Amino acid sequence: MNTDDSAREPAEHVRFAAYLDELEQVSDADESSLVGGVLADPDPVMAGAAVVRHLDRRAAELFSTPLWEEWAGAMARVVTGHPFPVRRLQEWSLFRAIALGLPWHRDDLLAASDWLQRKAADGTNPEALQVLAESGRTKRIRNTARTGLGRLGTGRTPRAELR
């Protein structure tokens, strides 16, 4: 972006880009403080979107590591009162449980957003794939889950079973 473009860019777009840059470079020690600062922005939709982008990046890095619990707890405390980031963090926790074979509930997966259902449908947990093949919210999710079941070689013929 050249200087002329940035002068015409809406202020919230400039702040959004700056927040993403800061969040990408923040140290672990300063992460909670920075996330809280971003969420204090006067534009709550833009701030929530920036924080969710950050949560997605960090959760993808950490969900399968021992660092997850401490990080997720810290983020949960910071995002309290901000529905979009709260929900995304909860869905990452559910995705983690599904991906790592930890306990999870069918109803939680079925109540989850399309984002999480698509993410789980791309995974390898046979129970989650079966739930989504049968009852996923969209045709795309159901088809992706059926393909995943076939890829796993579950010995099932998902299309025949689900008719």
N, C-alpha and C. Protein backbone atom coordinates (compact mmCIF):
# COMPACT_ATOMS: atom_id res chain seq x y z
N MET A 1 0.86 -1.17 0.00
CA MET A 1 0.00 0.00 0.00
C MET A 1 0.90 1.23 0.00
N ASN A 2 0.69 2.18 -0.94
CA ASN A 2 1.50 3.39 -0.94
C ASN A 2 0.87 4.44 -0.05
N THR A 3 1.55 5.55 0.16
CA THR A 3 1.09 6.58 1.08
C THR A 3 -0.24 7.17 0.65
N ASP A 4 -0.45 7.33 -0.65
CA ASP A 4 -1.71 7.88 -1.13
C ASP A 4 -2.87 6.95 -0.78
N ASP A 5 -2.66 5.63 -0.90
CA ASP A 5 -3.71 4.67 -0.56
C ASP A 5 -4.04 4.71 0.92
N SER A 6 -3.02 4.80 1.79
CA SER A 6 -3.29 4.78 3.23
C SER A 6 -4.04 6.02 3.68
N ALA A 7 -3.88 7.14 2.97
CA ALA A 7 -4.61 8.36 3.32
C ALA A 7 -6.10 8.20 3.02
N ARG A 8 -6.43 7.37 2.03
CA ARG A 8 -7.83 7.15 1.66
C ARG A 8 -8.45 5.96 2.38
N GLU A 9 -7.64 5.14 3.01
CA GLU A 9 -8.11 3.94 3.71
C GLU A 9 -8.90 4.36 4.95
N PRO A 10 -10.08 3.77 5.19
CA PRO A 10 -10.82 4.10 6.41
C PRO A 10 -9.99 3.80 7.66
N ALA A 11 -10.17 4.60 8.68
CA ALA A 11 -9.37 4.50 9.90
C ALA A 11 -9.43 3.11 10.52
N GLU A 12 -10.62 2.49 10.50
CA GLU A 12 -10.73 1.16 11.11
C GLU A 12 -9.95 0.11 10.32
N HIS A 13 -9.80 0.30 9.02
CA HIS A 13 -9.00 -0.63 8.21
C HIS A 13 -7.52 -0.50 8.56
N VAL A 14 -7.10 0.74 8.74
CA VAL A 14 -5.71 0.99 9.13
C VAL A 14 -5.45 0.38 10.51
N ARG A 15 -6.36 0.60 11.45
CA ARG A 15 -6.18 0.03 12.80
C ARG A 15 -6.21 -1.49 12.75
N PHE A 16 -7.11 -2.08 11.95
CA PHE A 16 -7.19 -3.53 11.81
C PHE A 16 -5.85 -4.11 11.35
N ALA A 17 -5.30 -3.53 10.30
CA ALA A 17 -4.01 -4.00 9.79
C ALA A 17 -2.91 -3.83 10.83
N ALA A 18 -2.92 -2.72 11.54
CA ALA A 18 -1.92 -2.49 12.59
C ALA A 18 -2.07 -3.51 13.72
N TYR A 19 -3.32 -3.79 14.10
CA TYR A 19 -3.56 -4.78 15.16
C TYR A 19 -3.06 -6.15 14.74
N LEU A 20 -3.36 -6.54 13.51
CA LEU A 20 -2.90 -7.85 13.04
C LEU A 20 -1.38 -7.94 13.08
N ASP A 21 -0.72 -6.88 12.68
CA ASP A 21 0.74 -6.86 12.71
C ASP A 21 1.25 -6.97 14.14
N GLU A 22 0.67 -6.19 15.05
CA GLU A 22 1.10 -6.24 16.46
C GLU A 22 0.83 -7.62 17.07
N LEU A 23 -0.34 -8.18 16.78
CA LEU A 23 -0.69 -9.49 17.34
C LEU A 23 0.22 -10.59 16.81
N GLU A 24 0.66 -10.45 15.59
CA GLU A 24 1.55 -11.46 15.01
C GLU A 24 2.93 -11.43 15.66
N GLN A 25 3.31 -10.29 16.19
CA GLN A 25 4.65 -10.13 16.75
C GLN A 25 4.69 -10.12 18.28
N VAL A 26 3.55 -10.18 18.92
CA VAL A 26 3.50 -10.03 20.37
C VAL A 26 4.20 -11.20 21.07
N SER A 27 4.85 -10.91 22.18
CA SER A 27 5.47 -11.96 22.98
C SER A 27 4.39 -12.67 23.80
N ASP A 28 4.68 -13.87 24.21
CA ASP A 28 3.73 -14.61 25.04
C ASP A 28 3.37 -13.83 26.30
N ALA A 29 4.35 -13.18 26.89
CA ALA A 29 4.12 -12.44 28.14
C ALA A 29 3.19 -11.25 27.95
N ASP A 30 3.19 -10.65 26.76
CA ASP A 30 2.37 -9.46 26.52
C ASP A 30 1.08 -9.74 25.75
N GLU A 31 0.85 -11.00 25.41
CA GLU A 31 -0.28 -11.35 24.54
C GLU A 31 -1.62 -10.97 25.15
N SER A 32 -1.87 -11.35 26.38
CA SER A 32 -3.17 -11.06 27.00
C SER A 32 -3.43 -9.57 27.07
N SER A 33 -2.43 -8.82 27.42
CA SER A 33 -2.59 -7.37 27.51
C SER A 33 -2.91 -6.76 26.15
N LEU A 34 -2.21 -7.20 25.12
CA LEU A 34 -2.47 -6.67 23.79
C LEU A 34 -3.85 -7.06 23.29
N VAL A 35 -4.25 -8.32 23.49
CA VAL A 35 -5.59 -8.75 23.07
C VAL A 35 -6.65 -7.90 23.78
N GLY A 36 -6.47 -7.68 25.08
CA GLY A 36 -7.40 -6.83 25.82
C GLY A 36 -7.44 -5.41 25.27
N GLY A 37 -6.29 -4.89 24.90
CA GLY A 37 -6.22 -3.55 24.31
C GLY A 37 -6.94 -3.47 22.98
N VAL A 38 -6.76 -4.48 22.15
CA VAL A 38 -7.45 -4.52 20.86
C VAL A 38 -8.96 -4.55 21.09
N LEU A 39 -9.40 -5.36 22.03
CA LEU A 39 -10.85 -5.48 22.29
C LEU A 39 -11.45 -4.21 22.87
N ALA A 40 -10.62 -3.29 23.34
CA ALA A 40 -11.11 -2.01 23.87
C ALA A 40 -11.29 -0.98 22.75
N ASP A 41 -10.97 -1.34 21.52
CA ASP A 41 -11.12 -0.42 20.39
C ASP A 41 -12.58 0.04 20.29
N PRO A 42 -12.82 1.28 19.87
CA PRO A 42 -14.20 1.76 19.75
C PRO A 42 -15.04 1.05 18.69
N ASP A 43 -14.40 0.31 17.79
CA ASP A 43 -15.15 -0.44 16.77
C ASP A 43 -15.12 -1.92 17.19
N PRO A 44 -16.15 -2.38 17.92
CA PRO A 44 -16.12 -3.74 18.47
C PRO A 44 -16.13 -4.84 17.41
N VAL A 45 -16.74 -4.61 16.26
CA VAL A 45 -16.78 -5.63 15.21
C VAL A 45 -15.38 -5.81 14.63
N MET A 46 -14.72 -4.70 14.31
CA MET A 46 -13.36 -4.78 13.77
C MET A 46 -12.42 -5.39 14.79
N ALA A 47 -12.52 -4.97 16.04
CA ALA A 47 -11.63 -5.49 17.09
C ALA A 47 -11.84 -6.99 17.28
N GLY A 48 -13.10 -7.42 17.31
CA GLY A 48 -13.39 -8.84 17.45
C GLY A 48 -12.84 -9.65 16.29
N ALA A 49 -12.94 -9.10 15.07
CA ALA A 49 -12.42 -9.80 13.90
C ALA A 49 -10.90 -9.94 13.99
N ALA A 50 -10.22 -8.90 14.43
CA ALA A 50 -8.76 -8.96 14.56
C ALA A 50 -8.36 -9.98 15.61
N VAL A 51 -9.07 -9.99 16.72
CA VAL A 51 -8.74 -10.94 17.79
C VAL A 51 -9.03 -12.38 17.34
N VAL A 52 -10.12 -12.59 16.64
CA VAL A 52 -10.43 -13.95 16.16
C VAL A 52 -9.37 -14.42 15.17
N ARG A 53 -8.89 -13.55 14.32
CA ARG A 53 -7.79 -13.94 13.42
C ARG A 53 -6.59 -14.39 14.24
N HIS A 54 -6.30 -13.64 15.30
CA HIS A 54 -5.17 -13.99 16.17
C HIS A 54 -5.43 -15.32 16.87
N LEU A 55 -6.63 -15.49 17.41
CA LEU A 55 -6.97 -16.75 18.09
C LEU A 55 -6.83 -17.93 17.13
N ASP A 56 -7.28 -17.76 15.90
CA ASP A 56 -7.17 -18.84 14.91
C ASP A 56 -5.70 -19.21 14.66
N ARG A 57 -4.87 -18.21 14.51
CA ARG A 57 -3.46 -18.47 14.25
C ARG A 57 -2.80 -19.16 15.44
N ARG A 58 -3.01 -18.62 16.62
CA ARG A 58 -2.37 -19.17 17.82
C ARG A 58 -2.94 -20.54 18.18
N ALA A 59 -4.24 -20.70 18.09
CA ALA A 59 -4.85 -21.98 18.43
C ALA A 59 -4.37 -23.08 17.49
N ALA A 60 -4.21 -22.76 16.21
CA ALA A 60 -3.70 -23.75 15.25
C ALA A 60 -2.29 -24.18 15.63
N GLU A 61 -1.50 -23.27 16.18
CA GLU A 61 -0.15 -23.59 16.63
C GLU A 61 -0.14 -24.42 17.91
N LEU A 62 -1.08 -24.14 18.80
CA LEU A 62 -0.99 -24.65 20.17
C LEU A 62 -1.93 -25.79 20.54
N PHE A 63 -3.00 -26.03 19.76
CA PHE A 63 -4.04 -26.94 20.22
C PHE A 63 -3.53 -28.33 20.57
N SER A 64 -2.50 -28.79 19.92
CA SER A 64 -2.01 -30.15 20.17
C SER A 64 -0.82 -30.20 21.13
N THR A 65 -0.51 -29.06 21.75
CA THR A 65 0.65 -29.00 22.64
C THR A 65 0.21 -28.87 24.09
N PRO A 66 1.15 -29.13 25.01
CA PRO A 66 0.85 -28.95 26.44
C PRO A 66 0.61 -27.48 26.81
N LEU A 67 0.96 -26.56 25.95
CA LEU A 67 0.78 -25.13 26.23
C LEU A 67 -0.67 -24.69 26.08
N TRP A 68 -1.49 -25.53 25.46
CA TRP A 68 -2.87 -25.15 25.15
C TRP A 68 -3.65 -24.70 26.38
N GLU A 69 -3.67 -25.50 27.41
CA GLU A 69 -4.53 -25.22 28.57
C GLU A 69 -4.26 -23.84 29.17
N GLU A 70 -3.00 -23.54 29.40
CA GLU A 70 -2.65 -22.24 29.99
C GLU A 70 -3.02 -21.10 29.04
N TRP A 71 -2.69 -21.26 27.77
CA TRP A 71 -2.99 -20.22 26.79
C TRP A 71 -4.49 -20.01 26.66
N ALA A 72 -5.24 -21.09 26.49
CA ALA A 72 -6.69 -20.98 26.32
C ALA A 72 -7.35 -20.36 27.56
N GLY A 73 -6.87 -20.71 28.73
CA GLY A 73 -7.40 -20.11 29.95
C GLY A 73 -7.15 -18.62 30.00
N ALA A 74 -5.94 -18.22 29.65
CA ALA A 74 -5.61 -16.79 29.63
C ALA A 74 -6.46 -16.04 28.61
N MET A 75 -6.62 -16.62 27.43
CA MET A 75 -7.42 -15.96 26.39
C MET A 75 -8.90 -15.91 26.80
N ALA A 76 -9.39 -16.96 27.44
CA ALA A 76 -10.79 -16.97 27.88
C ALA A 76 -11.06 -15.83 28.85
N ARG A 77 -10.11 -15.57 29.74
CA ARG A 77 -10.29 -14.47 30.70
C ARG A 77 -10.31 -13.12 29.98
N VAL A 78 -9.51 -12.97 28.96
CA VAL A 78 -9.41 -11.69 28.25
C VAL A 78 -10.62 -11.43 27.35
N VAL A 79 -11.14 -12.46 26.71
CA VAL A 79 -12.22 -12.24 25.74
C VAL A 79 -13.62 -12.27 26.37
N THR A 80 -13.70 -12.55 27.65
CA THR A 80 -15.00 -12.56 28.33
C THR A 80 -15.77 -11.28 27.99
N GLY A 81 -17.04 -11.44 27.64
CA GLY A 81 -17.87 -10.30 27.30
C GLY A 81 -17.84 -9.93 25.82
N HIS A 82 -17.08 -10.66 25.04
CA HIS A 82 -16.98 -10.42 23.59
C HIS A 82 -17.42 -11.70 22.88
N PRO A 83 -18.70 -11.78 22.50
CA PRO A 83 -19.28 -13.05 22.03
C PRO A 83 -18.55 -13.76 20.90
N PHE A 84 -18.11 -13.04 19.87
CA PHE A 84 -17.46 -13.71 18.73
C PHE A 84 -16.14 -14.37 19.15
N PRO A 85 -15.24 -13.66 19.80
CA PRO A 85 -14.00 -14.33 20.25
C PRO A 85 -14.26 -15.45 21.28
N VAL A 86 -15.24 -15.26 22.16
CA VAL A 86 -15.56 -16.30 23.14
C VAL A 86 -15.99 -17.57 22.41
N ARG A 87 -16.89 -17.42 21.46
CA ARG A 87 -17.38 -18.60 20.73
C ARG A 87 -16.26 -19.28 19.94
N ARG A 88 -15.40 -18.48 19.30
CA ARG A 88 -14.33 -19.08 18.52
C ARG A 88 -13.38 -19.86 19.43
N LEU A 89 -13.07 -19.33 20.58
CA LEU A 89 -12.18 -20.04 21.52
C LEU A 89 -12.84 -21.33 22.01
N GLN A 90 -14.14 -21.27 22.29
CA GLN A 90 -14.87 -22.49 22.69
C GLN A 90 -14.85 -23.52 21.56
N GLU A 91 -15.01 -23.07 20.34
CA GLU A 91 -15.01 -24.00 19.21
C GLU A 91 -13.61 -24.58 18.98
N TRP A 92 -12.58 -23.80 19.22
CA TRP A 92 -11.23 -24.37 19.13
C TRP A 92 -11.04 -25.45 20.20
N SER A 93 -11.61 -25.23 21.37
CA SER A 93 -11.50 -26.24 22.42
C SER A 93 -12.23 -27.52 22.01
N LEU A 94 -13.39 -27.37 21.38
CA LEU A 94 -14.12 -28.54 20.89
C LEU A 94 -13.33 -29.21 19.77
N PHE A 95 -12.79 -28.43 18.85
CA PHE A 95 -11.98 -29.01 17.78
C PHE A 95 -10.80 -29.77 18.37
N ARG A 96 -10.18 -29.21 19.36
CA ARG A 96 -9.04 -29.87 20.01
C ARG A 96 -9.45 -31.23 20.57
N ALA A 97 -10.59 -31.25 21.26
CA ALA A 97 -11.08 -32.51 21.83
C ALA A 97 -11.34 -33.53 20.72
N ILE A 98 -11.96 -33.11 19.65
CA ILE A 98 -12.25 -34.03 18.54
C ILE A 98 -10.95 -34.52 17.91
N ALA A 99 -10.04 -33.60 17.62
CA ALA A 99 -8.80 -33.96 16.93
C ALA A 99 -7.90 -34.85 17.76
N LEU A 100 -7.90 -34.64 19.09
CA LEU A 100 -7.00 -35.41 19.95
C LEU A 100 -7.67 -36.62 20.58
N GLY A 101 -8.92 -36.88 20.24
CA GLY A 101 -9.62 -38.04 20.78
C GLY A 101 -9.98 -37.89 22.25
N LEU A 102 -10.18 -36.66 22.68
CA LEU A 102 -10.61 -36.38 24.06
C LEU A 102 -12.14 -36.43 24.09
N PRO A 103 -12.74 -36.47 25.26
CA PRO A 103 -14.21 -36.50 25.32
C PRO A 103 -14.85 -35.24 24.72
N TRP A 104 -15.91 -35.45 23.98
CA TRP A 104 -16.69 -34.36 23.41
C TRP A 104 -18.12 -34.87 23.20
N HIS A 105 -19.04 -33.94 22.98
CA HIS A 105 -20.45 -34.31 22.85
C HIS A 105 -20.97 -34.01 21.44
N ARG A 106 -21.70 -34.96 20.93
CA ARG A 106 -22.31 -34.87 19.60
C ARG A 106 -23.11 -33.59 19.43
N ASP A 107 -23.93 -33.26 20.43
CA ASP A 107 -24.78 -32.07 20.34
C ASP A 107 -23.96 -30.79 20.24
N ASP A 108 -22.79 -30.75 20.90
CA ASP A 108 -21.93 -29.57 20.80
C ASP A 108 -21.43 -29.39 19.36
N LEU A 109 -21.07 -30.50 18.72
CA LEU A 109 -20.60 -30.43 17.34
C LEU A 109 -21.74 -30.00 16.41
N LEU A 110 -22.92 -30.53 16.64
CA LEU A 110 -24.06 -30.17 15.77
C LEU A 110 -24.52 -28.73 15.99
N ALA A 111 -24.29 -28.18 17.17
CA ALA A 111 -24.65 -26.79 17.45
C ALA A 111 -23.56 -25.81 17.04
N ALA A 112 -22.40 -26.33 16.67
CA ALA A 112 -21.25 -25.48 16.32
C ALA A 112 -21.48 -24.76 15.00
N SER A 113 -20.67 -23.76 14.78
CA SER A 113 -20.75 -22.97 13.54
C SER A 113 -20.35 -23.80 12.33
N ASP A 114 -20.70 -23.30 11.17
CA ASP A 114 -20.27 -23.94 9.93
C ASP A 114 -18.75 -24.02 9.89
N TRP A 115 -18.07 -22.99 10.38
CA TRP A 115 -16.61 -22.97 10.40
C TRP A 115 -16.08 -24.22 11.10
N LEU A 116 -16.57 -24.50 12.29
CA LEU A 116 -16.06 -25.65 13.03
C LEU A 116 -16.51 -26.96 12.38
N GLN A 117 -17.74 -27.03 11.92
CA GLN A 117 -18.19 -28.26 11.27
C GLN A 117 -17.34 -28.56 10.03
N ARG A 118 -17.02 -27.54 9.25
CA ARG A 118 -16.15 -27.77 8.08
C ARG A 118 -14.76 -28.23 8.50
N LYS A 119 -14.23 -27.62 9.54
CA LYS A 119 -12.91 -27.98 10.05
C LYS A 119 -12.91 -29.43 10.55
N ALA A 120 -13.92 -29.82 11.29
CA ALA A 120 -14.01 -31.19 11.79
C ALA A 120 -14.26 -32.18 10.65
N ALA A 121 -15.02 -31.77 9.65
CA ALA A 121 -15.29 -32.65 8.51
C ALA A 121 -14.04 -32.91 7.69
N ASP A 122 -13.07 -32.03 7.78
CA ASP A 122 -11.79 -32.23 7.10
C ASP A 122 -10.83 -33.07 7.94
N GLY A 123 -11.24 -33.43 9.15
CA GLY A 123 -10.37 -34.17 10.06
C GLY A 123 -10.42 -35.67 9.88
N THR A 124 -9.95 -36.37 10.90
CA THR A 124 -9.84 -37.83 10.80
C THR A 124 -10.54 -38.56 11.94
N ASN A 125 -11.30 -37.86 12.77
CA ASN A 125 -12.00 -38.53 13.86
C ASN A 125 -13.24 -39.22 13.28
N PRO A 126 -13.26 -40.58 13.27
CA PRO A 126 -14.37 -41.28 12.62
C PRO A 126 -15.73 -40.97 13.24
N GLU A 127 -15.78 -40.80 14.56
CA GLU A 127 -17.06 -40.50 15.20
C GLU A 127 -17.58 -39.14 14.75
N ALA A 128 -16.71 -38.14 14.72
CA ALA A 128 -17.11 -36.80 14.27
C ALA A 128 -17.53 -36.84 12.80
N LEU A 129 -16.78 -37.56 11.99
CA LEU A 129 -17.12 -37.67 10.57
C LEU A 129 -18.49 -38.31 10.39
N GLN A 130 -18.78 -39.34 11.16
CA GLN A 130 -20.08 -40.00 11.05
C GLN A 130 -21.21 -39.05 11.46
N VAL A 131 -21.02 -38.33 12.56
CA VAL A 131 -22.03 -37.37 13.01
C VAL A 131 -22.28 -36.32 11.92
N LEU A 132 -21.20 -35.80 11.35
CA LEU A 132 -21.35 -34.76 10.34
C LEU A 132 -21.86 -35.30 9.01
N ALA A 133 -21.50 -36.52 8.66
CA ALA A 133 -22.02 -37.13 7.43
C ALA A 133 -23.53 -37.30 7.52
N GLU A 134 -24.00 -37.61 8.70
CA GLU A 134 -25.45 -37.82 8.91
C GLU A 134 -26.20 -36.51 9.11
N SER A 135 -25.61 -35.59 9.89
CA SER A 135 -26.40 -34.44 10.35
C SER A 135 -25.70 -33.10 10.25
N GLY A 136 -24.62 -33.02 9.49
CA GLY A 136 -23.94 -31.74 9.33
C GLY A 136 -24.89 -30.69 8.79
N ARG A 137 -24.62 -29.45 9.11
CA ARG A 137 -25.55 -28.37 8.80
C ARG A 137 -25.75 -28.16 7.31
N THR A 138 -24.71 -28.30 6.51
CA THR A 138 -24.85 -28.03 5.08
C THR A 138 -24.50 -29.27 4.25
N LYS A 139 -24.92 -29.24 3.01
CA LYS A 139 -24.60 -30.34 2.09
C LYS A 139 -23.08 -30.47 1.94
N ARG A 140 -22.40 -29.34 1.86
CA ARG A 140 -20.93 -29.35 1.74
C ARG A 140 -20.30 -30.08 2.92
N ILE A 141 -20.76 -29.79 4.14
CA ILE A 141 -20.22 -30.43 5.33
C ILE A 141 -20.50 -31.93 5.31
N ARG A 142 -21.75 -32.29 4.99
CA ARG A 142 -22.10 -33.72 4.94
C ARG A 142 -21.27 -34.46 3.90
N ASN A 143 -21.11 -33.87 2.72
CA ASN A 143 -20.32 -34.52 1.67
C ASN A 143 -18.84 -34.63 2.04
N THR A 144 -18.30 -33.58 2.64
CA THR A 144 -16.89 -33.62 3.06
C THR A 144 -16.68 -34.71 4.10
N ALA A 145 -17.61 -34.83 5.03
CA ALA A 145 -17.50 -35.86 6.06
C ALA A 145 -17.63 -37.26 5.46
N ARG A 146 -18.52 -37.43 4.51
CA ARG A 146 -18.65 -38.74 3.84
C ARG A 146 -17.37 -39.11 3.11
N THR A 147 -16.79 -38.13 2.44
CA THR A 147 -15.52 -38.36 1.75
C THR A 147 -14.44 -38.74 2.77
N GLY A 148 -14.43 -38.08 3.90
CA GLY A 148 -13.46 -38.39 4.95
C GLY A 148 -13.64 -39.80 5.49
N LEU A 149 -14.87 -40.23 5.65
CA LEU A 149 -15.12 -41.61 6.10
C LEU A 149 -14.58 -42.60 5.08
N GLY A 150 -14.80 -42.32 3.81
CA GLY A 150 -14.28 -43.19 2.76
C GLY A 150 -12.77 -43.22 2.76
N ARG A 151 -12.16 -42.07 2.98
CA ARG A 151 -10.70 -41.96 3.03
C ARG A 151 -10.13 -42.79 4.18
N LEU A 152 -10.86 -42.83 5.29
CA LEU A 152 -10.39 -43.59 6.45
C LEU A 152 -10.53 -45.09 6.25
N GLY A 153 -11.31 -45.47 5.25
CA GLY A 153 -11.51 -46.89 5.00
C GLY A 153 -12.21 -47.56 6.17
N THR A 154 -13.28 -46.94 6.63
CA THR A 154 -14.00 -47.45 7.79
C THR A 154 -14.73 -48.76 7.51
N GLY A 155 -14.72 -49.17 6.26
CA GLY A 155 -15.46 -50.38 5.92
C GLY A 155 -16.93 -50.09 5.71
N ARG A 156 -17.31 -48.83 5.85
CA ARG A 156 -18.70 -48.44 5.67
C ARG A 156 -18.87 -47.86 4.28
N THR A 157 -20.07 -47.88 3.83
CA THR A 157 -20.40 -47.17 2.60
C THR A 157 -21.32 -46.04 3.01
N PRO A 158 -20.74 -44.90 3.33
CA PRO A 158 -21.51 -43.79 3.92
C PRO A 158 -22.76 -43.42 3.14
N ARG A 159 -22.70 -43.31 1.83
CA ARG A 159 -23.88 -42.89 1.08
C ARG A 159 -25.02 -43.90 1.25
N ALA A 160 -24.70 -45.19 1.21
CA ALA A 160 -25.74 -46.21 1.36
C ALA A 160 -26.30 -46.18 2.78
N GLU A 161 -25.45 -46.00 3.76
CA GLU A 161 -25.92 -45.98 5.15
C GLU A 161 -26.84 -44.82 5.43
N LEU A 162 -26.58 -43.68 4.79
CA LEU A 162 -27.26 -42.45 5.17
C LEU A 162 -28.52 -42.18 4.39
N ARG A 163 -28.88 -43.06 3.51
CA ARG A 163 -30.10 -42.84 2.72
C ARG A 163 -31.32 -43.09 3.55
